[in-house]
Amino acid sequence: MTKRMGNAMSRMIEMKGKQFGRLTVIRQNGQDPKNADLLWECRCSCGNIVTVDGSRLRGGYVRSCGCLRRELARQRYSKNEGFTRNMGNPQNLRNSDGIMVSSMKESQRNTSGVVGVSYDKATERWLARLMYQGRYVLLKSFETKTEAIHARKEAETLYWHKSDKQKQTVS
């Protein structure tokens, strides 16, 4: 079956009724404006309804509404003694000064090399963030990486009341 999309003819792969992991395709539900892939409405075995890109379904990248990922994470965490020992105690997520440990350590996904500084491809600007006592005290974009780093360091000094030397010994 072919379907006209824009000015070009493309082959549409009919997927209604097909099963992909926990997802069963219900119907075609539009087209992704970014990549022109068809979107499919699916029912997960848990009962949730989600809309998924057809190529991600066929490629096996999406197999549930998210319930599978949560179940697998729960299984992994239940076998992790360090995690289960600290479960339920939010204070374990903060250092002795009450600062969130995640705010102080660089994640594996960090590409800027500085905690709390990232590049936003959509706006082509650098972002600086700092959360303090459960709210953002710094959430601003900058033209350059240097400006964003400077703003993050100033906010750390202002809100964490620590010099660079003290911060290095904590992290």
C-alpha atoms as a PDB file:
ATOM      1  CA  MET A   1       0.000   0.000   0.000  1.00  0.00           C
ATOM      2  CA  THR A   2       1.334   3.437  -0.854  1.00  0.00           C
ATOM      3  CA  LYS A   3       0.372   6.679   0.766  1.00  0.00           C
ATOM      4  CA  ARG A   4       1.014  10.243  -0.413  1.00  0.00           C
ATOM      5  CA  MET A   5       3.046  12.226   2.140  1.00  0.00           C
ATOM      6  CA  GLY A   6       3.969  15.753   1.179  1.00  0.00           C
ATOM      7  CA  ASN A   7       5.158  15.839  -2.440  1.00  0.00           C
ATOM      8  CA  ALA A   8       6.788  12.407  -2.399  1.00  0.00           C
ATOM      9  CA  MET A   9       5.304   8.957  -2.611  1.00  0.00           C
ATOM     10  CA  SER A  10       6.407   6.664   0.194  1.00  0.00           C
ATOM     11  CA  ARG A  11       5.641   3.099   1.023  1.00  0.00           C
ATOM     12  CA  MET A  12       3.576   2.749   4.159  1.00  0.00           C
ATOM     13  CA  ILE A  13       4.087  -0.485   6.038  1.00  0.00           C
ATOM     14  CA  GLU A  14       0.724  -1.506   7.466  1.00  0.00           C
ATOM     15  CA  MET A  15       1.233  -2.398  11.105  1.00  0.00           C
ATOM     16  CA  LYS A  16      -2.310  -2.431  12.527  1.00  0.00           C
ATOM     17  CA  GLY A  17      -2.719  -5.482  14.808  1.00  0.00           C
ATOM     18  CA  LYS A  18       1.008  -6.321  14.900  1.00  0.00           C
ATOM     19  CA  GLN A  19       2.721  -7.013  18.214  1.00  0.00           C
ATOM     20  CA  PHE A  20       6.059  -5.413  19.185  1.00  0.00           C
ATOM     21  CA  GLY A  21       7.133  -6.557  22.650  1.00  0.00           C
ATOM     22  CA  ARG A  22       4.303  -5.513  24.953  1.00  0.00           C
ATOM     23  CA  LEU A  23       2.809  -3.123  22.380  1.00  0.00           C
ATOM     24  CA  THR A  24      -0.018  -3.946  19.991  1.00  0.00           C
ATOM     25  CA  VAL A  25      -0.568  -1.466  17.158  1.00  0.00           C
ATOM     26  CA  ILE A  26      -4.100  -0.029  17.148  1.00  0.00           C
ATOM     27  CA  ARG A  27      -3.959   2.478  14.289  1.00  0.00           C
ATOM     28  CA  GLN A  28      -1.814   4.939  12.353  1.00  0.00           C
ATOM     29  CA  ASN A  29      -1.734   8.268  14.197  1.00  0.00           C
ATOM     30  CA  GLY A  30      -0.129  10.973  12.067  1.00  0.00           C
ATOM     31  CA  GLN A  31       3.403  11.642  10.992  1.00  0.00           C
ATOM     32  CA  ASP A  32       6.465  12.823  12.888  1.00  0.00           C
ATOM     33  CA  PRO A  33       7.128  16.393  11.659  1.00  0.00           C
ATOM     34  CA  LYS A  34      10.861  16.048  12.300  1.00  0.00           C
ATOM     35  CA  ASN A  35      11.663  12.940  10.258  1.00  0.00           C
ATOM     36  CA  ALA A  36       8.415  12.220   8.318  1.00  0.00           C
ATOM     37  CA  ASP A  37       8.106   8.736   9.875  1.00  0.00           C
ATOM     38  CA  LEU A  38       4.606   7.484  10.498  1.00  0.00           C
ATOM     39  CA  LEU A  39       3.395   7.425  14.081  1.00  0.00           C
ATOM     40  CA  TRP A  40       1.378   4.500  15.446  1.00  0.00           C
ATOM     41  CA  GLU A  41      -1.004   4.407  18.387  1.00  0.00           C
ATOM     42  CA  CYS A  42      -0.357   1.277  20.454  1.00  0.00           C
ATOM     43  CA  ARG A  43      -1.869  -0.414  23.486  1.00  0.00           C
ATOM     44  CA  CYS A  44       0.618  -1.762  26.006  1.00  0.00           C
ATOM     45  CA  SER A  45      -0.111  -5.045  27.791  1.00  0.00           C
ATOM     46  CA  CYS A  46      -0.410  -2.995  31.013  1.00  0.00           C
ATOM     47  CA  GLY A  47      -3.316  -1.048  29.444  1.00  0.00           C
ATOM     48  CA  ASN A  48      -1.609   2.262  28.630  1.00  0.00           C
ATOM     49  CA  ILE A  49      -1.977   3.828  25.186  1.00  0.00           C
ATOM     50  CA  VAL A  50       1.127   5.377  23.594  1.00  0.00           C
ATOM     51  CA  THR A  51       2.039   6.840  20.201  1.00  0.00           C
ATOM     52  CA  VAL A  52       5.317   5.541  18.796  1.00  0.00           C
ATOM     53  CA  ASP A  53       7.459   6.180  15.707  1.00  0.00           C
ATOM     54  CA  GLY A  54       7.079   3.208  13.315  1.00  0.00           C
ATOM     55  CA  SER A  55      10.798   2.771  12.643  1.00  0.00           C
ATOM     56  CA  ARG A  56      11.514   2.652  16.389  1.00  0.00           C
ATOM     57  CA  LEU A  57       8.824  -0.022  16.797  1.00  0.00           C
ATOM     58  CA  ARG A  58      10.125  -2.164  13.921  1.00  0.00           C
ATOM     59  CA  GLY A  59      13.737  -1.697  15.073  1.00  0.00           C
ATOM     60  CA  GLY A  60      12.927  -2.992  18.562  1.00  0.00           C
ATOM     61  CA  TYR A  61      13.883   0.258  20.287  1.00  0.00           C
ATOM     62  CA  VAL A  62      10.422   0.629  21.832  1.00  0.00           C
ATOM     63  CA  ARG A  63       8.818  -2.455  23.378  1.00  0.00           C
ATOM     64  CA  SER A  64       6.438  -0.983  25.961  1.00  0.00           C
ATOM     65  CA  CYS A  65       4.937   2.240  27.284  1.00  0.00           C
ATOM     66  CA  GLY A  66       7.787   2.458  29.795  1.00  0.00           C
ATOM     67  CA  CYS A  67       6.475  -0.202  32.166  1.00  0.00           C
ATOM     68  CA  LEU A  68       9.102  -2.724  30.986  1.00  0.00           C
ATOM     69  CA  ARG A  69      11.964  -0.311  31.770  1.00  0.00           C
ATOM     70  CA  ARG A  70      10.517   0.345  35.241  1.00  0.00           C
ATOM     71  CA  GLU A  71      10.143  -3.384  35.950  1.00  0.00           C
ATOM     72  CA  LEU A  72      13.693  -4.168  34.836  1.00  0.00           C
ATOM     73  CA  ALA A  73      15.069  -1.277  36.908  1.00  0.00           C
ATOM     74  CA  ARG A  74      13.150  -2.501  39.945  1.00  0.00           C
ATOM     75  CA  GLN A  75      14.647  -5.978  39.502  1.00  0.00           C
ATOM     76  CA  ARG A  76      18.187  -4.593  39.140  1.00  0.00           C
ATOM     77  CA  TYR A  77      17.834  -2.313  42.159  1.00  0.00           C
ATOM     78  CA  SER A  78      16.376  -5.050  44.352  1.00  0.00           C
ATOM     79  CA  LYS A  79      19.579  -7.063  43.780  1.00  0.00           C
ATOM     80  CA  ASN A  80      21.850  -4.091  44.556  1.00  0.00           C
ATOM     81  CA  GLU A  81      22.670  -4.181  48.298  1.00  0.00           C
ATOM     82  CA  GLY A  82      24.024  -0.632  48.365  1.00  0.00           C
ATOM     83  CA  PHE A  83      20.825   0.677  46.832  1.00  0.00           C
ATOM     84  CA  THR A  84      18.411  -1.327  48.989  1.00  0.00           C
ATOM     85  CA  ARG A  85      20.321  -0.415  52.164  1.00  0.00           C
ATOM     86  CA  ASN A  86      19.761   3.288  51.416  1.00  0.00           C
ATOM     87  CA  MET A  87      16.232   3.037  49.994  1.00  0.00           C
ATOM     88  CA  GLY A  88      13.653   5.268  51.605  1.00  0.00           C
ATOM     89  CA  ASN A  89      16.164   7.649  53.156  1.00  0.00           C
ATOM     90  CA  PRO A  90      16.339  10.848  51.057  1.00  0.00           C
ATOM     91  CA  GLN A  91      19.187  12.150  53.228  1.00  0.00           C
ATOM     92  CA  ASN A  92      21.451   9.597  51.531  1.00  0.00           C
ATOM     93  CA  LEU A  93      21.124  11.674  48.374  1.00  0.00           C
ATOM     94  CA  ARG A  94      22.683  14.739  50.039  1.00  0.00           C
ATOM     95  CA  ASN A  95      26.110  15.488  51.450  1.00  0.00           C
ATOM     96  CA  SER A  96      26.707  16.717  55.013  1.00  0.00           C
ATOM     97  CA  ASP A  97      25.846  20.297  53.949  1.00  0.00           C
ATOM     98  CA  GLY A  98      22.475  19.215  52.538  1.00  0.00           C
ATOM     99  CA  ILE A  99      23.550  19.649  48.908  1.00  0.00           C
ATOM    100  CA  MET A 100      22.269  17.088  46.406  1.00  0.00           C
ATOM    101  CA  VAL A 101      25.137  14.773  45.450  1.00  0.00           C
ATOM    102  CA  SER A 102      23.835  14.712  41.858  1.00  0.00           C
ATOM    103  CA  SER A 103      24.433  18.477  41.672  1.00  0.00           C
ATOM    104  CA  MET A 104      28.087  18.017  42.558  1.00  0.00           C
ATOM    105  CA  LYS A 105      29.153  15.020  40.466  1.00  0.00           C
ATOM    106  CA  GLU A 106      29.560  14.960  36.730  1.00  0.00           C
ATOM    107  CA  SER A 107      27.243  12.493  35.010  1.00  0.00           C
ATOM    108  CA  GLN A 108      28.505  10.119  32.312  1.00  0.00           C
ATOM    109  CA  ARG A 109      26.237  11.974  29.878  1.00  0.00           C
ATOM    110  CA  ASN A 110      27.918  15.318  30.591  1.00  0.00           C
ATOM    111  CA  THR A 111      29.566  16.627  27.436  1.00  0.00           C
ATOM    112  CA  SER A 112      30.604  20.080  28.679  1.00  0.00           C
ATOM    113  CA  GLY A 113      32.975  18.796  31.347  1.00  0.00           C
ATOM    114  CA  VAL A 114      31.302  20.996  33.979  1.00  0.00           C
ATOM    115  CA  VAL A 115      28.458  19.932  36.270  1.00  0.00           C
ATOM    116  CA  GLY A 116      25.318  21.993  35.630  1.00  0.00           C
ATOM    117  CA  VAL A 117      26.444  23.293  32.233  1.00  0.00           C
ATOM    118  CA  SER A 118      25.119  21.902  28.940  1.00  0.00           C
ATOM    119  CA  TYR A 119      24.631  22.869  25.309  1.00  0.00           C
ATOM    120  CA  ASP A 120      21.119  23.202  23.892  1.00  0.00           C
ATOM    121  CA  LYS A 121      21.213  22.295  20.197  1.00  0.00           C
ATOM    122  CA  ALA A 122      17.718  23.693  19.567  1.00  0.00           C
ATOM    123  CA  THR A 123      18.628  27.229  20.678  1.00  0.00           C
ATOM    124  CA  GLU A 124      22.377  26.888  20.013  1.00  0.00           C
ATOM    125  CA  ARG A 125      23.085  28.331  23.455  1.00  0.00           C
ATOM    126  CA  TRP A 126      24.843  27.128  26.603  1.00  0.00           C
ATOM    127  CA  LEU A 127      22.689  26.476  29.681  1.00  0.00           C
ATOM    128  CA  ALA A 128      23.728  26.874  33.316  1.00  0.00           C
ATOM    129  CA  ARG A 129      21.642  25.321  36.114  1.00  0.00           C
ATOM    130  CA  LEU A 130      21.855  25.043  39.867  1.00  0.00           C
ATOM    131  CA  MET A 131      19.173  23.694  42.168  1.00  0.00           C
ATOM    132  CA  TYR A 132      19.233  24.706  45.827  1.00  0.00           C
ATOM    133  CA  GLN A 133      16.742  23.585  48.471  1.00  0.00           C
ATOM    134  CA  GLY A 134      14.463  22.037  45.865  1.00  0.00           C
ATOM    135  CA  ARG A 135      14.246  24.971  43.455  1.00  0.00           C
ATOM    136  CA  TYR A 136      16.315  26.337  40.601  1.00  0.00           C
ATOM    137  CA  VAL A 137      18.335  29.359  41.689  1.00  0.00           C
ATOM    138  CA  LEU A 138      20.145  29.405  38.356  1.00  0.00           C
ATOM    139  CA  LEU A 139      18.463  28.441  35.091  1.00  0.00           C
ATOM    140  CA  LYS A 140      19.802  30.667  32.354  1.00  0.00           C
ATOM    141  CA  SER A 141      21.181  30.447  28.812  1.00  0.00           C
ATOM    142  CA  PHE A 142      24.367  32.059  27.503  1.00  0.00           C
ATOM    143  CA  GLU A 143      26.044  32.718  24.163  1.00  0.00           C
ATOM    144  CA  THR A 144      29.297  31.038  25.230  1.00  0.00           C
ATOM    145  CA  LYS A 145      30.353  28.064  27.296  1.00  0.00           C
ATOM    146  CA  THR A 146      32.696  30.298  29.317  1.00  0.00           C
ATOM    147  CA  GLU A 147      29.822  32.563  30.388  1.00  0.00           C
ATOM    148  CA  ALA A 148      27.710  29.566  31.438  1.00  0.00           C
ATOM    149  CA  ILE A 149      30.575  28.061  33.471  1.00  0.00           C
ATOM    150  CA  HIS A 150      31.241  31.395  35.157  1.00  0.00           C
ATOM    151  CA  ALA A 151      27.554  31.769  36.107  1.00  0.00           C
ATOM    152  CA  ARG A 152      27.449  28.220  37.512  1.00  0.00           C
ATOM    153  CA  LYS A 153      30.614  28.783  39.611  1.00  0.00           C
ATOM    154  CA  GLU A 154      29.273  32.100  40.946  1.00  0.00           C
ATOM    155  CA  ALA A 155      25.977  30.465  41.922  1.00  0.00           C
ATOM    156  CA  GLU A 156      27.826  27.605  43.656  1.00  0.00           C
ATOM    157  CA  THR A 157      29.838  30.113  45.688  1.00  0.00           C
ATOM    158  CA  LEU A 158      26.747  32.180  46.517  1.00  0.00           C
ATOM    159  CA  TYR A 159      24.442  29.308  47.491  1.00  0.00           C
ATOM    160  CA  TRP A 160      26.890  26.677  48.706  1.00  0.00           C
ATOM    161  CA  HIS A 161      29.199  29.200  50.447  1.00  0.00           C
ATOM    162  CA  LYS A 162      32.301  27.305  49.440  1.00  0.00           C
ATOM    163  CA  SER A 163      35.494  28.231  47.673  1.00  0.00           C
ATOM    164  CA  ASP A 164      36.765  26.162  44.721  1.00  0.00           C
ATOM    165  CA  LYS A 165      39.294  24.357  46.941  1.00  0.00           C
ATOM    166  CA  GLN A 166      36.613  23.250  49.413  1.00  0.00           C
ATOM    167  CA  LYS A 167      34.340  22.024  46.602  1.00  0.00           C
ATOM    168  CA  GLN A 168      37.126  19.917  45.085  1.00  0.00           C
ATOM    169  CA  THR A 169      37.631  18.037  48.376  1.00  0.00           C
ATOM    170  CA  VAL A 170      33.884  17.276  48.605  1.00  0.00           C
ATOM    171  CA  SER A 171      33.464  15.824  45.086  1.00  0.00           C
END
